Amino acid sequence: MIVGTLLLELEIPGADSLKAKRQILRKVIDRLRARFNASVAEVANNERWKVATIGVAVVANSPSFVGEVLDKIFRAVDSVGELSITYYDRIIAPVAEYADDEGPRNLAEYERMLEEESDES
């Protein structure tokens, strides 16, 4: 499993209130979710009018596919006339899978493992 993340810091010069900022961001976030099937959320600068930080996550089985999707998302955000990207960070990384007998395979097994570890302490 490959996970890709994209952190985008945005400047929204036309936003004269939090309501205006949120209207612009909601439109951008909803479009990204629908078009790219990605997880997208505002992750910082929630109370600042003219600045926003959004995080994007994409999961797939191919690093090249994840990279292509993140590039398309970057270009889609960059093409929005109401905002500009002031900073970005992109990470693509494999995630260890719990397919062996040692690791949990579902949430119940994971919670049971945590309980056993806390009982041993």
N, C-alpha and C. Protein backbone atom coordinates (compact mmCIF):
# COMPACT_ATOMS: atom_id res chain seq x y z
N MET A 1 0.85 -1.17 0.00
CA MET A 1 0.00 0.00 0.00
C MET A 1 0.90 1.23 0.00
N ILE A 2 0.58 2.18 -0.86
CA ILE A 2 1.33 3.43 -0.98
C ILE A 2 0.42 4.58 -0.57
N VAL A 3 0.93 5.44 0.30
CA VAL A 3 0.17 6.61 0.74
C VAL A 3 0.90 7.86 0.27
N GLY A 4 0.15 8.78 -0.30
CA GLY A 4 0.71 10.06 -0.70
C GLY A 4 0.00 11.18 0.02
N THR A 5 0.77 12.15 0.50
CA THR A 5 0.17 13.31 1.15
C THR A 5 0.67 14.58 0.48
N LEU A 6 -0.18 15.57 0.50
CA LEU A 6 0.14 16.87 -0.06
C LEU A 6 -0.35 17.92 0.92
N LEU A 7 0.55 18.76 1.38
CA LEU A 7 0.20 19.85 2.28
C LEU A 7 0.32 21.14 1.48
N LEU A 8 -0.75 21.92 1.44
CA LEU A 8 -0.78 23.15 0.66
C LEU A 8 -1.12 24.33 1.56
N GLU A 9 -0.23 25.31 1.60
CA GLU A 9 -0.56 26.57 2.27
C GLU A 9 -1.02 27.53 1.20
N LEU A 10 -2.16 28.14 1.44
CA LEU A 10 -2.81 28.97 0.43
C LEU A 10 -3.00 30.39 0.93
N GLU A 11 -2.90 31.33 0.01
CA GLU A 11 -3.25 32.71 0.29
C GLU A 11 -4.53 33.01 -0.48
N ILE A 12 -5.49 33.62 0.22
CA ILE A 12 -6.78 33.93 -0.39
C ILE A 12 -6.99 35.44 -0.26
N PRO A 13 -6.43 36.23 -1.18
CA PRO A 13 -6.44 37.68 -1.03
C PRO A 13 -7.83 38.31 -1.03
N GLY A 14 -8.78 37.70 -1.72
CA GLY A 14 -10.11 38.28 -1.81
C GLY A 14 -11.02 37.98 -0.63
N ALA A 15 -10.58 37.15 0.30
CA ALA A 15 -11.43 36.79 1.44
C ALA A 15 -11.42 37.94 2.45
N ASP A 16 -12.59 38.52 2.68
CA ASP A 16 -12.68 39.63 3.64
C ASP A 16 -13.36 39.21 4.94
N SER A 17 -13.62 37.91 5.07
CA SER A 17 -14.21 37.37 6.30
C SER A 17 -13.97 35.86 6.32
N LEU A 18 -14.18 35.26 7.49
CA LEU A 18 -14.06 33.80 7.57
C LEU A 18 -15.10 33.13 6.69
N LYS A 19 -16.29 33.72 6.63
CA LYS A 19 -17.35 33.14 5.80
C LYS A 19 -16.92 33.11 4.33
N ALA A 20 -16.34 34.19 3.85
CA ALA A 20 -15.89 34.24 2.45
C ALA A 20 -14.78 33.22 2.21
N LYS A 21 -13.85 33.12 3.15
CA LYS A 21 -12.76 32.14 3.03
C LYS A 21 -13.32 30.73 2.97
N ARG A 22 -14.25 30.43 3.86
CA ARG A 22 -14.81 29.07 3.91
C ARG A 22 -15.61 28.73 2.67
N GLN A 23 -16.28 29.72 2.07
CA GLN A 23 -17.00 29.46 0.83
C GLN A 23 -16.04 29.06 -0.29
N ILE A 24 -14.93 29.78 -0.38
CA ILE A 24 -13.94 29.47 -1.41
C ILE A 24 -13.33 28.10 -1.15
N LEU A 25 -12.92 27.85 0.09
CA LEU A 25 -12.30 26.56 0.43
C LEU A 25 -13.25 25.39 0.24
N ARG A 26 -14.50 25.57 0.66
CA ARG A 26 -15.47 24.48 0.53
C ARG A 26 -15.61 24.07 -0.94
N LYS A 27 -15.66 25.07 -1.82
CA LYS A 27 -15.78 24.78 -3.25
C LYS A 27 -14.55 23.99 -3.74
N VAL A 28 -13.36 24.43 -3.35
CA VAL A 28 -12.13 23.76 -3.77
C VAL A 28 -12.06 22.34 -3.21
N ILE A 29 -12.32 22.20 -1.92
CA ILE A 29 -12.23 20.89 -1.26
C ILE A 29 -13.25 19.92 -1.85
N ASP A 30 -14.49 20.37 -2.04
CA ASP A 30 -15.52 19.49 -2.61
C ASP A 30 -15.15 19.03 -4.02
N ARG A 31 -14.60 19.94 -4.83
CA ARG A 31 -14.19 19.57 -6.19
C ARG A 31 -13.06 18.54 -6.17
N LEU A 32 -12.09 18.74 -5.29
CA LEU A 32 -10.97 17.78 -5.21
C LEU A 32 -11.46 16.41 -4.78
N ARG A 33 -12.34 16.37 -3.79
CA ARG A 33 -12.87 15.08 -3.33
C ARG A 33 -13.61 14.37 -4.46
N ALA A 34 -14.45 15.10 -5.17
CA ALA A 34 -15.27 14.49 -6.22
C ALA A 34 -14.42 14.07 -7.42
N ARG A 35 -13.51 14.92 -7.82
CA ARG A 35 -12.74 14.66 -9.05
C ARG A 35 -11.65 13.62 -8.86
N PHE A 36 -11.01 13.60 -7.68
CA PHE A 36 -9.85 12.73 -7.49
C PHE A 36 -10.06 11.63 -6.45
N ASN A 37 -11.21 11.58 -5.82
CA ASN A 37 -11.50 10.58 -4.79
C ASN A 37 -10.40 10.58 -3.72
N ALA A 38 -10.04 11.78 -3.28
CA ALA A 38 -8.98 11.94 -2.28
C ALA A 38 -9.59 12.45 -0.98
N SER A 39 -8.88 12.21 0.11
CA SER A 39 -9.26 12.79 1.40
C SER A 39 -8.66 14.19 1.46
N VAL A 40 -9.50 15.17 1.74
CA VAL A 40 -9.06 16.57 1.75
C VAL A 40 -9.69 17.26 2.95
N ALA A 41 -8.88 18.04 3.68
CA ALA A 41 -9.41 18.77 4.83
C ALA A 41 -8.57 20.01 5.08
N GLU A 42 -9.20 21.03 5.66
CA GLU A 42 -8.45 22.18 6.15
C GLU A 42 -7.80 21.74 7.45
N VAL A 43 -6.48 21.87 7.55
CA VAL A 43 -5.76 21.31 8.69
C VAL A 43 -5.08 22.35 9.57
N ALA A 44 -5.05 23.61 9.15
CA ALA A 44 -4.44 24.66 9.97
C ALA A 44 -4.92 26.02 9.48
N ASN A 45 -4.62 27.04 10.26
CA ASN A 45 -5.01 28.42 9.94
C ASN A 45 -6.52 28.57 9.80
N ASN A 46 -7.27 27.84 10.59
CA ASN A 46 -8.73 27.83 10.48
C ASN A 46 -9.37 29.18 10.76
N GLU A 47 -8.77 29.99 11.60
CA GLU A 47 -9.39 31.25 12.00
C GLU A 47 -8.79 32.47 11.31
N ARG A 48 -7.90 32.27 10.37
CA ARG A 48 -7.29 33.39 9.64
C ARG A 48 -8.02 33.57 8.32
N TRP A 49 -8.39 34.79 8.01
CA TRP A 49 -9.20 35.08 6.84
C TRP A 49 -8.52 34.82 5.51
N LYS A 50 -7.30 35.25 5.38
CA LYS A 50 -6.66 35.25 4.07
C LYS A 50 -5.65 34.12 3.86
N VAL A 51 -5.56 33.23 4.84
CA VAL A 51 -4.60 32.13 4.76
C VAL A 51 -5.32 30.82 5.10
N ALA A 52 -4.97 29.76 4.38
CA ALA A 52 -5.55 28.44 4.67
C ALA A 52 -4.47 27.39 4.44
N THR A 53 -4.59 26.29 5.15
CA THR A 53 -3.72 25.14 4.94
C THR A 53 -4.60 23.92 4.76
N ILE A 54 -4.45 23.25 3.62
CA ILE A 54 -5.23 22.03 3.41
C ILE A 54 -4.28 20.85 3.27
N GLY A 55 -4.76 19.71 3.74
CA GLY A 55 -4.04 18.45 3.62
C GLY A 55 -4.80 17.52 2.70
N VAL A 56 -4.07 16.79 1.89
CA VAL A 56 -4.66 15.85 0.94
C VAL A 56 -3.98 14.50 1.13
N ALA A 57 -4.77 13.43 1.11
CA ALA A 57 -4.21 12.08 1.20
C ALA A 57 -4.79 11.20 0.10
N VAL A 58 -3.91 10.41 -0.50
CA VAL A 58 -4.29 9.48 -1.57
C VAL A 58 -3.65 8.13 -1.26
N VAL A 59 -4.41 7.06 -1.45
CA VAL A 59 -3.91 5.71 -1.22
C VAL A 59 -4.08 4.89 -2.50
N ALA A 60 -3.04 4.15 -2.86
CA ALA A 60 -3.11 3.27 -4.03
C ALA A 60 -2.04 2.20 -3.89
N ASN A 61 -1.91 1.36 -4.92
CA ASN A 61 -0.90 0.31 -4.85
C ASN A 61 0.32 0.61 -5.71
N SER A 62 0.36 1.79 -6.31
CA SER A 62 1.48 2.16 -7.18
C SER A 62 1.99 3.55 -6.83
N PRO A 63 3.29 3.69 -6.54
CA PRO A 63 3.83 5.01 -6.24
C PRO A 63 3.69 5.99 -7.41
N SER A 64 3.84 5.50 -8.63
CA SER A 64 3.72 6.40 -9.78
C SER A 64 2.29 6.92 -9.93
N PHE A 65 1.30 6.06 -9.67
CA PHE A 65 -0.09 6.50 -9.74
C PHE A 65 -0.37 7.55 -8.67
N VAL A 66 0.10 7.31 -7.45
CA VAL A 66 -0.10 8.27 -6.36
C VAL A 66 0.55 9.61 -6.73
N GLY A 67 1.75 9.56 -7.29
CA GLY A 67 2.43 10.79 -7.70
C GLY A 67 1.67 11.54 -8.77
N GLU A 68 1.13 10.81 -9.75
CA GLU A 68 0.34 11.45 -10.81
C GLU A 68 -0.89 12.13 -10.24
N VAL A 69 -1.58 11.46 -9.33
CA VAL A 69 -2.79 12.04 -8.73
C VAL A 69 -2.44 13.29 -7.93
N LEU A 70 -1.38 13.23 -7.13
CA LEU A 70 -0.98 14.41 -6.34
C LEU A 70 -0.58 15.57 -7.25
N ASP A 71 0.10 15.27 -8.37
CA ASP A 71 0.45 16.33 -9.32
C ASP A 71 -0.80 16.97 -9.92
N LYS A 72 -1.78 16.15 -10.27
CA LYS A 72 -3.02 16.68 -10.83
C LYS A 72 -3.77 17.53 -9.81
N ILE A 73 -3.76 17.08 -8.55
CA ILE A 73 -4.42 17.85 -7.50
C ILE A 73 -3.72 19.19 -7.32
N PHE A 74 -2.39 19.19 -7.32
CA PHE A 74 -1.63 20.43 -7.20
C PHE A 74 -2.01 21.40 -8.32
N ARG A 75 -2.02 20.89 -9.55
CA ARG A 75 -2.36 21.75 -10.70
C ARG A 75 -3.79 22.26 -10.63
N ALA A 76 -4.71 21.41 -10.14
CA ALA A 76 -6.10 21.84 -10.02
C ALA A 76 -6.24 22.98 -9.02
N VAL A 77 -5.56 22.87 -7.88
CA VAL A 77 -5.62 23.94 -6.88
C VAL A 77 -4.92 25.19 -7.42
N ASP A 78 -3.80 25.01 -8.08
CA ASP A 78 -3.04 26.14 -8.62
C ASP A 78 -3.82 26.91 -9.68
N SER A 79 -4.76 26.25 -10.33
CA SER A 79 -5.54 26.90 -11.39
C SER A 79 -6.73 27.70 -10.85
N VAL A 80 -7.00 27.60 -9.55
CA VAL A 80 -8.12 28.35 -8.97
C VAL A 80 -7.71 29.81 -8.88
N GLY A 81 -8.46 30.69 -9.52
CA GLY A 81 -8.09 32.09 -9.58
C GLY A 81 -8.22 32.85 -8.28
N GLU A 82 -9.01 32.34 -7.35
CA GLU A 82 -9.27 33.07 -6.10
C GLU A 82 -8.20 32.87 -5.04
N LEU A 83 -7.21 32.02 -5.32
CA LEU A 83 -6.18 31.75 -4.32
C LEU A 83 -4.85 31.48 -4.99
N SER A 84 -3.79 31.49 -4.18
CA SER A 84 -2.47 31.13 -4.69
C SER A 84 -1.78 30.23 -3.68
N ILE A 85 -0.97 29.32 -4.17
CA ILE A 85 -0.22 28.40 -3.32
C ILE A 85 1.07 29.11 -2.89
N THR A 86 1.27 29.22 -1.57
CA THR A 86 2.48 29.88 -1.06
C THR A 86 3.52 28.87 -0.59
N TYR A 87 3.10 27.64 -0.32
CA TYR A 87 4.02 26.59 0.14
C TYR A 87 3.35 25.25 -0.11
N TYR A 88 4.17 24.24 -0.42
CA TYR A 88 3.63 22.89 -0.51
C TYR A 88 4.68 21.89 -0.06
N ASP A 89 4.20 20.74 0.37
CA ASP A 89 5.06 19.62 0.75
C ASP A 89 4.37 18.36 0.28
N ARG A 90 5.12 17.50 -0.40
CA ARG A 90 4.55 16.27 -0.95
C ARG A 90 5.37 15.10 -0.46
N ILE A 91 4.68 14.07 0.05
CA ILE A 91 5.35 12.86 0.53
C ILE A 91 4.63 11.66 -0.07
N ILE A 92 5.41 10.71 -0.58
CA ILE A 92 4.87 9.44 -1.06
C ILE A 92 5.67 8.35 -0.36
N ALA A 93 4.97 7.47 0.34
CA ALA A 93 5.68 6.46 1.14
C ALA A 93 4.90 5.16 1.19
N PRO A 94 5.62 4.04 1.21
CA PRO A 94 4.95 2.75 1.44
C PRO A 94 4.55 2.64 2.90
N VAL A 95 3.48 1.93 3.14
CA VAL A 95 3.00 1.69 4.50
C VAL A 95 3.09 0.20 4.76
N ALA A 96 3.69 -0.16 5.88
CA ALA A 96 3.82 -1.58 6.22
C ALA A 96 2.44 -2.20 6.36
N GLU A 97 2.29 -3.36 5.83
CA GLU A 97 1.03 -4.07 5.93
C GLU A 97 1.12 -5.09 7.05
N TYR A 98 0.00 -5.31 7.71
CA TYR A 98 -0.04 -6.24 8.83
C TYR A 98 -0.52 -7.60 8.37
N ALA A 99 0.18 -8.16 7.41
CA ALA A 99 -0.23 -9.44 6.86
C ALA A 99 0.39 -10.62 7.60
N ASP A 100 1.39 -10.35 8.43
CA ASP A 100 2.02 -11.46 9.14
C ASP A 100 1.19 -11.85 10.36
N ASP A 101 1.55 -12.95 11.00
CA ASP A 101 0.80 -13.43 12.16
C ASP A 101 1.02 -12.57 13.39
N GLU A 102 2.04 -11.72 13.38
CA GLU A 102 2.37 -10.91 14.54
C GLU A 102 1.47 -9.68 14.66
N GLY A 103 1.05 -9.11 13.57
CA GLY A 103 0.34 -7.83 13.61
C GLY A 103 -1.17 -7.98 13.58
N PRO A 104 -1.87 -6.94 14.01
CA PRO A 104 -3.34 -6.97 13.99
C PRO A 104 -3.86 -6.88 12.56
N ARG A 105 -5.00 -7.50 12.31
CA ARG A 105 -5.60 -7.48 10.98
C ARG A 105 -6.86 -6.62 10.93
N ASN A 106 -7.37 -6.26 12.09
CA ASN A 106 -8.55 -5.40 12.11
C ASN A 106 -8.54 -4.59 13.41
N LEU A 107 -9.50 -3.70 13.55
CA LEU A 107 -9.53 -2.81 14.71
C LEU A 107 -9.67 -3.57 16.02
N ALA A 108 -10.48 -4.61 16.05
CA ALA A 108 -10.67 -5.37 17.29
C ALA A 108 -9.35 -6.01 17.73
N GLU A 109 -8.60 -6.59 16.80
CA GLU A 109 -7.31 -7.18 17.14
C GLU A 109 -6.33 -6.12 17.62
N TYR A 110 -6.35 -4.95 17.00
CA TYR A 110 -5.46 -3.87 17.40
C TYR A 110 -5.78 -3.41 18.82
N GLU A 111 -7.06 -3.22 19.12
CA GLU A 111 -7.46 -2.80 20.47
C GLU A 111 -7.08 -3.85 21.51
N ARG A 112 -7.26 -5.12 21.17
CA ARG A 112 -6.88 -6.21 22.08
C ARG A 112 -5.37 -6.20 22.32
N MET A 113 -4.60 -5.97 21.28
CA MET A 113 -3.15 -5.90 21.41
C MET A 113 -2.75 -4.74 22.33
N LEU A 114 -3.40 -3.59 22.20
CA LEU A 114 -3.10 -2.44 23.06
C LEU A 114 -3.44 -2.74 24.52
N GLU A 115 -4.56 -3.42 24.75
CA GLU A 115 -4.95 -3.79 26.12
C GLU A 115 -3.91 -4.73 26.73
N GLU A 116 -3.47 -5.70 25.96
CA GLU A 116 -2.46 -6.64 26.46
C GLU A 116 -1.16 -5.93 26.80
N GLU A 117 -0.77 -4.97 25.98
CA GLU A 117 0.46 -4.21 26.25
C GLU A 117 0.32 -3.38 27.52
N SER A 118 -0.85 -2.78 27.73
CA SER A 118 -1.04 -1.96 28.93
C SER A 118 -1.13 -2.83 30.18
N ASP A 119 -1.66 -4.05 30.07
CA ASP A 119 -1.72 -4.97 31.21
C ASP A 119 -0.33 -5.43 31.62
N GLU A 120 0.57 -5.57 30.64
CA GLU A 120 1.93 -6.01 30.92
C GLU A 120 2.75 -4.92 31.61
N SER A 121 2.36 -3.67 31.45
CA SER A 121 3.12 -2.54 32.04
C SER A 121 2.91 -2.39 33.51
